């Protein structure tokens, strides 16, 4: 990620820059003690991540961040401050993270790690919510599936984390209480409706259909469930014991998540 540091305290900025050296995927492309110079640079060059001091003369970090957002809406912004009262203002302007002074190397590594995760997520077109009711958005637009079974199939594929889901499992999960045989081929209609829906949004490649099975391309999906499994604290907090509540087959997943969360909290 192309990164700029903006702080009127040159010594602190240099120490931060040194700490960032050697961290994979972080490229410091500019260090600025003057926010106006930093804004000029960001206007003319590619910048993906900005770490800003809030307390600066001439233009505060908050004001600078607002102007930076106007120019680059997808930039990741993190603040450094020694005053906790600034936290509310930073949150209001949708800062991505805040580091409080005095900080140590672990705080810096945590901030960089979060920035890398945010950057990775921004590159994914498909976002799914599995905690509570199921929803999918593509490029920020909520997806309207052609049928309820197509939507349910999408949920099942995401839960399978990129592994093949056979037509027998699809039949068992989506028509568990119905007397439907494999010869009925209703699963084919569900798969077709799902692929047709995704094609409308230009995202049909995220589902791969193979002989007797299909799967999701996991690396193309951003979702709360995957973040939870990766151990992200925010995702664990977000999970409140409700997972794909509209689908009975998801109860086993819900139980697993409850157990994993309890283990994590008891460590």
C-alpha atoms as a PDB file:
ATOM      1  CA  UNK A   1       0.000   0.000   0.000  1.00  0.00           C
ATOM      2  CA  UNK A   2       1.272   3.432  -0.929  1.00  0.00           C
ATOM      3  CA  UNK A   3       1.395   5.300   2.387  1.00  0.00           C
ATOM      4  CA  UNK A   4       1.900   8.886   3.525  1.00  0.00           C
ATOM      5  CA  UNK A   5       2.750  10.061   7.046  1.00  0.00           C
ATOM      6  CA  UNK A   6       1.646  13.536   8.120  1.00  0.00           C
ATOM      7  CA  UNK A   7       2.856  14.933  11.458  1.00  0.00           C
ATOM      8  CA  UNK A   8       4.314  18.306  12.449  1.00  0.00           C
ATOM      9  CA  UNK A   9       6.580  16.459  14.909  1.00  0.00           C
ATOM     10  CA  UNK A  10       9.348  15.378  12.553  1.00  0.00           C
ATOM     11  CA  UNK A  11      11.056  13.143  15.115  1.00  0.00           C
ATOM     12  CA  UNK A  12       7.910  11.125  15.884  1.00  0.00           C
ATOM     13  CA  UNK A  13       7.146  10.803  12.186  1.00  0.00           C
ATOM     14  CA  UNK A  14      10.651   9.517  11.481  1.00  0.00           C
ATOM     15  CA  UNK A  15      10.395   6.980  14.304  1.00  0.00           C
ATOM     16  CA  UNK A  16       7.093   5.780  12.877  1.00  0.00           C
ATOM     17  CA  UNK A  17       8.615   5.532   9.409  1.00  0.00           C
ATOM     18  CA  UNK A  18      11.466   3.407  10.760  1.00  0.00           C
ATOM     19  CA  UNK A  19       8.991   1.077  12.478  1.00  0.00           C
ATOM     20  CA  UNK A  20       7.172   0.624   9.160  1.00  0.00           C
ATOM     21  CA  UNK A  21      10.308  -0.452   7.345  1.00  0.00           C
ATOM     22  CA  UNK A  22      10.363  -4.153   6.653  1.00  0.00           C
ATOM     23  CA  UNK A  23       6.599  -4.577   6.976  1.00  0.00           C
ATOM     24  CA  UNK A  24       5.368  -6.341   3.860  1.00  0.00           C
ATOM     25  CA  UNK A  25       3.046  -4.457   1.477  1.00  0.00           C
ATOM     26  CA  UNK A  26       3.698  -1.054   3.098  1.00  0.00           C
ATOM     27  CA  UNK A  27       5.487   1.514   0.937  1.00  0.00           C
ATOM     28  CA  UNK A  28       6.126   4.942   2.484  1.00  0.00           C
ATOM     29  CA  UNK A  29       5.826   7.276  -0.500  1.00  0.00           C
ATOM     30  CA  UNK A  30       5.910  10.537   1.440  1.00  0.00           C
ATOM     31  CA  UNK A  31       6.427  12.091   4.866  1.00  0.00           C
ATOM     32  CA  UNK A  32       5.062  15.579   5.472  1.00  0.00           C
ATOM     33  CA  UNK A  33       5.178  18.045   8.354  1.00  0.00           C
ATOM     34  CA  UNK A  34       3.017  20.470   6.360  1.00  0.00           C
ATOM     35  CA  UNK A  35      -0.524  19.155   5.690  1.00  0.00           C
ATOM     36  CA  UNK A  36      -0.958  21.476   2.697  1.00  0.00           C
ATOM     37  CA  UNK A  37       2.074  19.891   1.025  1.00  0.00           C
ATOM     38  CA  UNK A  38       0.680  16.446   1.832  1.00  0.00           C
ATOM     39  CA  UNK A  39      -2.686  17.350   0.302  1.00  0.00           C
ATOM     40  CA  UNK A  40      -0.965  18.624  -2.834  1.00  0.00           C
ATOM     41  CA  UNK A  41       0.987  15.375  -3.116  1.00  0.00           C
ATOM     42  CA  UNK A  42      -2.120  13.217  -2.597  1.00  0.00           C
ATOM     43  CA  UNK A  43      -3.928  15.192  -5.298  1.00  0.00           C
ATOM     44  CA  UNK A  44      -1.291  14.340  -7.889  1.00  0.00           C
ATOM     45  CA  UNK A  45      -0.133  10.863  -6.816  1.00  0.00           C
ATOM     46  CA  UNK A  46      -1.594   7.502  -5.915  1.00  0.00           C
ATOM     47  CA  UNK A  47      -2.057   7.225  -2.132  1.00  0.00           C
ATOM     48  CA  UNK A  48      -3.888   4.312  -0.494  1.00  0.00           C
ATOM     49  CA  UNK A  49      -3.149   4.799   3.216  1.00  0.00           C
ATOM     50  CA  UNK A  50      -2.637   7.931   5.316  1.00  0.00           C
ATOM     51  CA  UNK A  51      -1.506   8.037   8.917  1.00  0.00           C
ATOM     52  CA  UNK A  52      -2.129  11.482  10.385  1.00  0.00           C
ATOM     53  CA  UNK A  53      -1.455  13.403  13.553  1.00  0.00           C
ATOM     54  CA  UNK A  54      -4.603  15.189  14.712  1.00  0.00           C
ATOM     55  CA  UNK A  55      -2.906  18.132  16.437  1.00  0.00           C
ATOM     56  CA  UNK A  56      -1.141  20.145  13.730  1.00  0.00           C
ATOM     57  CA  UNK A  57      -0.806  23.924  13.250  1.00  0.00           C
ATOM     58  CA  UNK A  58      -2.490  25.564  10.270  1.00  0.00           C
ATOM     59  CA  UNK A  59      -4.717  22.606   9.445  1.00  0.00           C
ATOM     60  CA  UNK A  60      -5.769  19.928  11.916  1.00  0.00           C
ATOM     61  CA  UNK A  61      -5.526  16.269  11.009  1.00  0.00           C
ATOM     62  CA  UNK A  62      -9.326  16.082  11.061  1.00  0.00           C
ATOM     63  CA  UNK A  63      -9.682  18.929   8.575  1.00  0.00           C
ATOM     64  CA  UNK A  64      -6.949  17.453   6.402  1.00  0.00           C
ATOM     65  CA  UNK A  65      -8.619  14.023   6.470  1.00  0.00           C
ATOM     66  CA  UNK A  66     -11.894  15.566   5.308  1.00  0.00           C
ATOM     67  CA  UNK A  67     -10.191  17.197   2.331  1.00  0.00           C
ATOM     68  CA  UNK A  68      -8.313  13.968   1.594  1.00  0.00           C
ATOM     69  CA  UNK A  69     -11.562  11.981   1.567  1.00  0.00           C
ATOM     70  CA  UNK A  70     -12.990  14.399  -0.990  1.00  0.00           C
ATOM     71  CA  UNK A  71     -10.128  13.570  -3.343  1.00  0.00           C
ATOM     72  CA  UNK A  72      -9.785   9.846  -2.594  1.00  0.00           C
ATOM     73  CA  UNK A  73     -12.948   8.308  -1.154  1.00  0.00           C
ATOM     74  CA  UNK A  74     -11.431   4.837  -0.748  1.00  0.00           C
ATOM     75  CA  UNK A  75      -8.281   5.920   1.114  1.00  0.00           C
ATOM     76  CA  UNK A  76      -7.645   4.293   4.489  1.00  0.00           C
ATOM     77  CA  UNK A  77      -7.214   6.955   7.188  1.00  0.00           C
ATOM     78  CA  UNK A  78      -5.724   6.370  10.630  1.00  0.00           C
ATOM     79  CA  UNK A  79      -5.062   9.005  13.265  1.00  0.00           C
ATOM     80  CA  UNK A  80      -2.370   9.376  15.915  1.00  0.00           C
ATOM     81  CA  UNK A  81      -3.258  11.545  18.901  1.00  0.00           C
ATOM     82  CA  UNK A  82      -2.407  12.075  22.530  1.00  0.00           C
ATOM     83  CA  UNK A  83      -5.862  13.408  23.382  1.00  0.00           C
ATOM     84  CA  UNK A  84      -8.733  10.975  23.869  1.00  0.00           C
ATOM     85  CA  UNK A  85     -11.304  13.743  23.421  1.00  0.00           C
ATOM     86  CA  UNK A  86     -10.443  13.793  19.726  1.00  0.00           C
ATOM     87  CA  UNK A  87     -11.629  10.208  19.321  1.00  0.00           C
ATOM     88  CA  UNK A  88     -15.315  11.157  18.979  1.00  0.00           C
ATOM     89  CA  UNK A  89     -14.524  13.685  16.243  1.00  0.00           C
ATOM     90  CA  UNK A  90     -12.370  11.151  14.430  1.00  0.00           C
ATOM     91  CA  UNK A  91     -15.119   8.535  14.553  1.00  0.00           C
ATOM     92  CA  UNK A  92     -17.667  11.032  13.250  1.00  0.00           C
ATOM     93  CA  UNK A  93     -15.575  11.699  10.180  1.00  0.00           C
ATOM     94  CA  UNK A  94     -15.314   7.904   9.682  1.00  0.00           C
ATOM     95  CA  UNK A  95     -11.661   7.387  10.498  1.00  0.00           C
ATOM     96  CA  UNK A  96     -10.642   3.774  10.026  1.00  0.00           C
ATOM     97  CA  UNK A  97      -8.513   3.535  13.180  1.00  0.00           C
ATOM     98  CA  UNK A  98      -6.980   5.622  15.964  1.00  0.00           C
ATOM     99  CA  UNK A  99      -3.629   5.157  17.732  1.00  0.00           C
ATOM    100  CA  UNK A 100      -3.221   6.911  21.075  1.00  0.00           C
ATOM    101  CA  UNK A 101       0.095   8.305  22.271  1.00  0.00           C
ATOM    102  CA  UNK A 102       2.267   7.032  23.788  1.00  0.00           C
ATOM    103  CA  UNK A 103       2.273   4.024  21.473  1.00  0.00           C
ATOM    104  CA  UNK A 104       4.710   1.165  21.067  1.00  0.00           C
ATOM    105  CA  UNK A 105       5.799  -1.079  18.232  1.00  0.00           C
ATOM    106  CA  UNK A 106       2.901  -3.503  18.818  1.00  0.00           C
ATOM    107  CA  UNK A 107       0.421  -0.641  18.349  1.00  0.00           C
ATOM    108  CA  UNK A 108       2.067   0.238  15.045  1.00  0.00           C
ATOM    109  CA  UNK A 109       2.062  -3.357  13.851  1.00  0.00           C
ATOM    110  CA  UNK A 110      -1.619  -3.650  14.798  1.00  0.00           C
ATOM    111  CA  UNK A 111      -2.449  -0.456  12.885  1.00  0.00           C
ATOM    112  CA  UNK A 112      -0.561  -1.605   9.799  1.00  0.00           C
ATOM    113  CA  UNK A 113      -2.159  -5.054   9.970  1.00  0.00           C
ATOM    114  CA  UNK A 114      -5.625  -3.482  10.121  1.00  0.00           C
ATOM    115  CA  UNK A 115      -4.795  -1.223   7.195  1.00  0.00           C
ATOM    116  CA  UNK A 116      -3.674  -4.199   5.115  1.00  0.00           C
ATOM    117  CA  UNK A 117      -6.889  -6.072   5.925  1.00  0.00           C
ATOM    118  CA  UNK A 118      -9.000  -3.049   4.970  1.00  0.00           C
ATOM    119  CA  UNK A 119      -7.073  -2.651   1.741  1.00  0.00           C
ATOM    120  CA  UNK A 120      -7.597  -6.302   0.879  1.00  0.00           C
ATOM    121  CA  UNK A 121     -11.334  -6.028   1.518  1.00  0.00           C
ATOM    122  CA  UNK A 122     -11.688  -2.912  -0.604  1.00  0.00           C
ATOM    123  CA  UNK A 123     -10.516  -4.911  -3.597  1.00  0.00           C
ATOM    124  CA  UNK A 124     -13.408  -7.378  -3.336  1.00  0.00           C
ATOM    125  CA  UNK A 125     -16.613  -6.631  -5.201  1.00  0.00           C
ATOM    126  CA  UNK A 126     -18.826  -9.092  -3.328  1.00  0.00           C
ATOM    127  CA  UNK A 127     -19.764  -8.527   0.293  1.00  0.00           C
ATOM    128  CA  UNK A 128     -21.991 -10.931   2.229  1.00  0.00           C
ATOM    129  CA  UNK A 129     -23.600 -10.668   5.644  1.00  0.00           C
ATOM    130  CA  UNK A 130     -24.295 -14.000   7.337  1.00  0.00           C
ATOM    131  CA  UNK A 131     -24.783 -12.872  10.940  1.00  0.00           C
ATOM    132  CA  UNK A 132     -28.528 -12.511  11.371  1.00  0.00           C
ATOM    133  CA  UNK A 133     -30.345 -12.489   8.033  1.00  0.00           C
ATOM    134  CA  UNK A 134     -28.488 -13.204   4.804  1.00  0.00           C
ATOM    135  CA  UNK A 135     -27.717 -10.415   2.357  1.00  0.00           C
ATOM    136  CA  UNK A 136     -25.274  -9.960  -0.500  1.00  0.00           C
ATOM    137  CA  UNK A 137     -24.091  -6.774  -2.178  1.00  0.00           C
ATOM    138  CA  UNK A 138     -21.962  -6.383  -5.293  1.00  0.00           C
ATOM    139  CA  UNK A 139     -20.130  -3.103  -5.853  1.00  0.00           C
ATOM    140  CA  UNK A 140     -22.197  -1.696  -2.990  1.00  0.00           C
ATOM    141  CA  UNK A 141     -25.557  -2.621  -4.560  1.00  0.00           C
ATOM    142  CA  UNK A 142     -27.816  -5.084  -2.753  1.00  0.00           C
ATOM    143  CA  UNK A 143     -28.342  -8.184  -4.886  1.00  0.00           C
ATOM    144  CA  UNK A 144     -31.914  -9.160  -5.746  1.00  0.00           C
ATOM    145  CA  UNK A 145     -31.900 -12.882  -6.473  1.00  0.00           C
ATOM    146  CA  UNK A 146     -34.195 -14.406  -9.080  1.00  0.00           C
ATOM    147  CA  UNK A 147     -35.562 -16.884  -6.563  1.00  0.00           C
ATOM    148  CA  UNK A 148     -35.397 -17.635  -2.846  1.00  0.00           C
ATOM    149  CA  UNK A 149     -33.697 -20.969  -3.576  1.00  0.00           C
ATOM    150  CA  UNK A 150     -31.002 -19.219  -5.615  1.00  0.00           C
ATOM    151  CA  UNK A 151     -30.309 -16.951  -2.649  1.00  0.00           C
ATOM    152  CA  UNK A 152     -30.272 -19.893  -0.244  1.00  0.00           C
ATOM    153  CA  UNK A 153     -27.872 -21.747  -2.533  1.00  0.00           C
ATOM    154  CA  UNK A 154     -25.540 -18.739  -2.458  1.00  0.00           C
ATOM    155  CA  UNK A 155     -25.579 -18.844   1.340  1.00  0.00           C
ATOM    156  CA  UNK A 156     -24.799 -22.567   1.330  1.00  0.00           C
ATOM    157  CA  UNK A 157     -21.871 -22.115  -1.070  1.00  0.00           C
ATOM    158  CA  UNK A 158     -20.396 -19.319   1.043  1.00  0.00           C
ATOM    159  CA  UNK A 159     -20.694 -21.489   4.171  1.00  0.00           C
ATOM    160  CA  UNK A 160     -18.781 -24.231   2.355  1.00  0.00           C
ATOM    161  CA  UNK A 161     -15.761 -21.892   2.115  1.00  0.00           C
ATOM    162  CA  UNK A 162     -14.785 -22.717  -1.454  1.00  0.00           C
ATOM    163  CA  UNK A 163     -15.214 -26.473  -1.165  1.00  0.00           C
ATOM    164  CA  UNK A 164     -17.338 -28.369  -3.681  1.00  0.00           C
ATOM    165  CA  UNK A 165     -20.988 -28.784  -2.725  1.00  0.00           C
ATOM    166  CA  UNK A 166     -22.529 -31.803  -4.406  1.00  0.00           C
ATOM    167  CA  UNK A 167     -25.998 -31.823  -5.907  1.00  0.00           C
ATOM    168  CA  UNK A 168     -26.978 -34.336  -3.217  1.00  0.00           C
ATOM    169  CA  UNK A 169     -25.984 -31.913  -0.453  1.00  0.00           C
ATOM    170  CA  UNK A 170     -27.813 -29.111  -2.233  1.00  0.00           C
ATOM    171  CA  UNK A 171     -30.945 -31.262  -2.398  1.00  0.00           C
ATOM    172  CA  UNK A 172     -30.598 -32.307   1.224  1.00  0.00           C
ATOM    173  CA  UNK A 173     -30.140 -28.768   2.562  1.00  0.00           C
ATOM    174  CA  UNK A 174     -32.473 -26.739   0.346  1.00  0.00           C
ATOM    175  CA  UNK A 175     -35.332 -29.274   0.124  1.00  0.00           C
ATOM    176  CA  UNK A 176     -34.858 -31.147   3.410  1.00  0.00           C
ATOM    177  CA  UNK A 177     -38.557 -31.263   4.307  1.00  0.00           C
ATOM    178  CA  UNK A 178     -39.877 -31.824   0.793  1.00  0.00           C
ATOM    179  CA  UNK A 179     -40.363 -35.064  -1.088  1.00  0.00           C
ATOM    180  CA  UNK A 180     -38.184 -34.142  -4.042  1.00  0.00           C
ATOM    181  CA  UNK A 181     -36.114 -36.723  -5.918  1.00  0.00           C
ATOM    182  CA  UNK A 182     -32.875 -36.143  -7.759  1.00  0.00           C
ATOM    183  CA  UNK A 183     -34.708 -36.813 -11.024  1.00  0.00           C
ATOM    184  CA  UNK A 184     -36.861 -33.757 -10.402  1.00  0.00           C
ATOM    185  CA  UNK A 185     -33.792 -31.598 -11.148  1.00  0.00           C
ATOM    186  CA  UNK A 186     -35.106 -28.596  -9.194  1.00  0.00           C
ATOM    187  CA  UNK A 187     -31.519 -28.036  -8.102  1.00  0.00           C
ATOM    188  CA  UNK A 188     -30.622 -27.229 -11.727  1.00  0.00           C
ATOM    189  CA  UNK A 189     -33.138 -24.399 -11.761  1.00  0.00           C
ATOM    190  CA  UNK A 190     -31.721 -23.031  -8.495  1.00  0.00           C
ATOM    191  CA  UNK A 191     -28.184 -23.114  -9.886  1.00  0.00           C
ATOM    192  CA  UNK A 192     -29.294 -21.496 -13.148  1.00  0.00           C
ATOM    193  CA  UNK A 193     -31.173 -18.760 -11.312  1.00  0.00           C
ATOM    194  CA  UNK A 194     -28.128 -18.087  -9.155  1.00  0.00           C
ATOM    195  CA  UNK A 195     -25.772 -17.880 -12.123  1.00  0.00           C
ATOM    196  CA  UNK A 196     -28.224 -15.703 -14.063  1.00  0.00           C
ATOM    197  CA  UNK A 197     -28.535 -13.377 -11.075  1.00  0.00           C
ATOM    198  CA  UNK A 198     -24.767 -13.030 -10.696  1.00  0.00           C
ATOM    199  CA  UNK A 199     -24.417 -12.513 -14.448  1.00  0.00           C
ATOM    200  CA  UNK A 200     -26.720  -9.504 -14.202  1.00  0.00           C
ATOM    201  CA  UNK A 201     -24.201  -7.961 -11.791  1.00  0.00           C
ATOM    202  CA  UNK A 202     -21.177  -9.035 -13.820  1.00  0.00           C
ATOM    203  CA  UNK A 203     -20.037 -11.444 -11.117  1.00  0.00           C
ATOM    204  CA  UNK A 204     -20.921 -14.902 -12.444  1.00  0.00           C
ATOM    205  CA  UNK A 205     -17.268 -16.007 -12.172  1.00  0.00           C
ATOM    206  CA  UNK A 206     -17.495 -16.237  -8.363  1.00  0.00           C
ATOM    207  CA  UNK A 207     -19.461 -19.502  -8.691  1.00  0.00           C
ATOM    208  CA  UNK A 208     -17.770 -22.433 -10.389  1.00  0.00           C
ATOM    209  CA  UNK A 209     -19.988 -25.228 -11.682  1.00  0.00           C
ATOM    210  CA  UNK A 210     -18.408 -28.663 -12.045  1.00  0.00           C
ATOM    211  CA  UNK A 211     -19.755 -32.097 -12.830  1.00  0.00           C
ATOM    212  CA  UNK A 212     -22.171 -32.981 -10.035  1.00  0.00           C
ATOM    213  CA  UNK A 213     -21.161 -30.048  -7.841  1.00  0.00           C
ATOM    214  CA  UNK A 214     -20.502 -26.325  -7.602  1.00  0.00           C
ATOM    215  CA  UNK A 215     -18.458 -24.055  -5.357  1.00  0.00           C
ATOM    216  CA  UNK A 216     -17.830 -20.442  -4.492  1.00  0.00           C
ATOM    217  CA  UNK A 217     -14.526 -18.707  -5.212  1.00  0.00           C
ATOM    218  CA  UNK A 218     -13.792 -17.872  -1.586  1.00  0.00           C
ATOM    219  CA  UNK A 219     -11.050 -15.330  -2.257  1.00  0.00           C
ATOM    220  CA  UNK A 220     -13.558 -13.149  -4.110  1.00  0.00           C
ATOM    221  CA  UNK A 221     -15.949 -12.937  -1.144  1.00  0.00           C
ATOM    222  CA  UNK A 222     -15.767 -10.540   1.785  1.00  0.00           C
ATOM    223  CA  UNK A 223     -18.013 -11.556   4.687  1.00  0.00           C
ATOM    224  CA  UNK A 224     -18.399 -11.429   8.462  1.00  0.00           C
ATOM    225  CA  UNK A 225     -18.319 -15.236   8.684  1.00  0.00           C
ATOM    226  CA  UNK A 226     -14.876 -15.516   7.096  1.00  0.00           C
ATOM    227  CA  UNK A 227     -13.514 -12.701   9.268  1.00  0.00           C
ATOM    228  CA  UNK A 228     -14.819 -14.496  12.356  1.00  0.00           C
ATOM    229  CA  UNK A 229     -13.062 -17.718  11.334  1.00  0.00           C
ATOM    230  CA  UNK A 230      -9.855 -15.726  10.838  1.00  0.00           C
ATOM    231  CA  UNK A 231     -10.104 -14.618  14.466  1.00  0.00           C
ATOM    232  CA  UNK A 232     -10.990 -10.975  13.907  1.00  0.00           C
ATOM    233  CA  UNK A 233     -12.173  -9.480  17.211  1.00  0.00           C
ATOM    234  CA  UNK A 234     -14.678  -7.088  15.626  1.00  0.00           C
ATOM    235  CA  UNK A 235     -16.360  -9.974  13.791  1.00  0.00           C
ATOM    236  CA  UNK A 236     -16.578 -11.997  17.002  1.00  0.00           C
ATOM    237  CA  UNK A 237     -18.182  -9.056  18.783  1.00  0.00           C
ATOM    238  CA  UNK A 238     -20.619  -8.604  15.904  1.00  0.00           C
ATOM    239  CA  UNK A 239     -21.749 -12.233  16.153  1.00  0.00           C
ATOM    240  CA  UNK A 240     -24.566 -12.345  18.725  1.00  0.00           C
ATOM    241  CA  UNK A 241     -25.726 -15.930  18.336  1.00  0.00           C
ATOM    242  CA  UNK A 242     -27.664 -15.413  15.102  1.00  0.00           C
ATOM    243  CA  UNK A 243     -26.422 -16.946  11.860  1.00  0.00           C
ATOM    244  CA  UNK A 244     -28.444 -17.219   8.646  1.00  0.00           C
ATOM    245  CA  UNK A 245     -31.573 -17.205  10.762  1.00  0.00           C
ATOM    246  CA  UNK A 246     -33.890 -17.926   7.822  1.00  0.00           C
ATOM    247  CA  UNK A 247     -32.285 -21.310   7.044  1.00  0.00           C
ATOM    248  CA  UNK A 248     -32.749 -24.287   9.364  1.00  0.00           C
ATOM    249  CA  UNK A 249     -29.689 -26.119   8.007  1.00  0.00           C
ATOM    250  CA  UNK A 250     -27.527 -23.236   9.288  1.00  0.00           C
ATOM    251  CA  UNK A 251     -28.210 -24.125  12.937  1.00  0.00           C
ATOM    252  CA  UNK A 252     -25.172 -26.411  13.040  1.00  0.00           C
ATOM    253  CA  UNK A 253     -22.957 -23.527  11.860  1.00  0.00           C
ATOM    254  CA  UNK A 254     -24.495 -21.265  14.479  1.00  0.00           C
ATOM    255  CA  UNK A 255     -23.663 -23.754  17.229  1.00  0.00           C
ATOM    256  CA  UNK A 256     -20.092 -23.991  16.027  1.00  0.00           C
ATOM    257  CA  UNK A 257     -19.683 -20.202  16.065  1.00  0.00           C
ATOM    258  CA  UNK A 258     -21.118 -19.945  19.573  1.00  0.00           C
ATOM    259  CA  UNK A 259     -18.604 -22.532  20.758  1.00  0.00           C
ATOM    260  CA  UNK A 260     -15.672 -20.825  19.017  1.00  0.00           C
ATOM    261  CA  UNK A 261     -16.621 -17.456  20.484  1.00  0.00           C
ATOM    262  CA  UNK A 262     -16.859 -18.883  24.005  1.00  0.00           C
ATOM    263  CA  UNK A 263     -13.403 -20.441  23.634  1.00  0.00           C
ATOM    264  CA  UNK A 264     -11.934 -17.172  22.429  1.00  0.00           C
ATOM    265  CA  UNK A 265     -13.464 -15.204  25.316  1.00  0.00           C
ATOM    266  CA  UNK A 266     -12.233 -17.716  27.897  1.00  0.00           C
ATOM    267  CA  UNK A 267      -8.603 -17.626  26.765  1.00  0.00           C
END
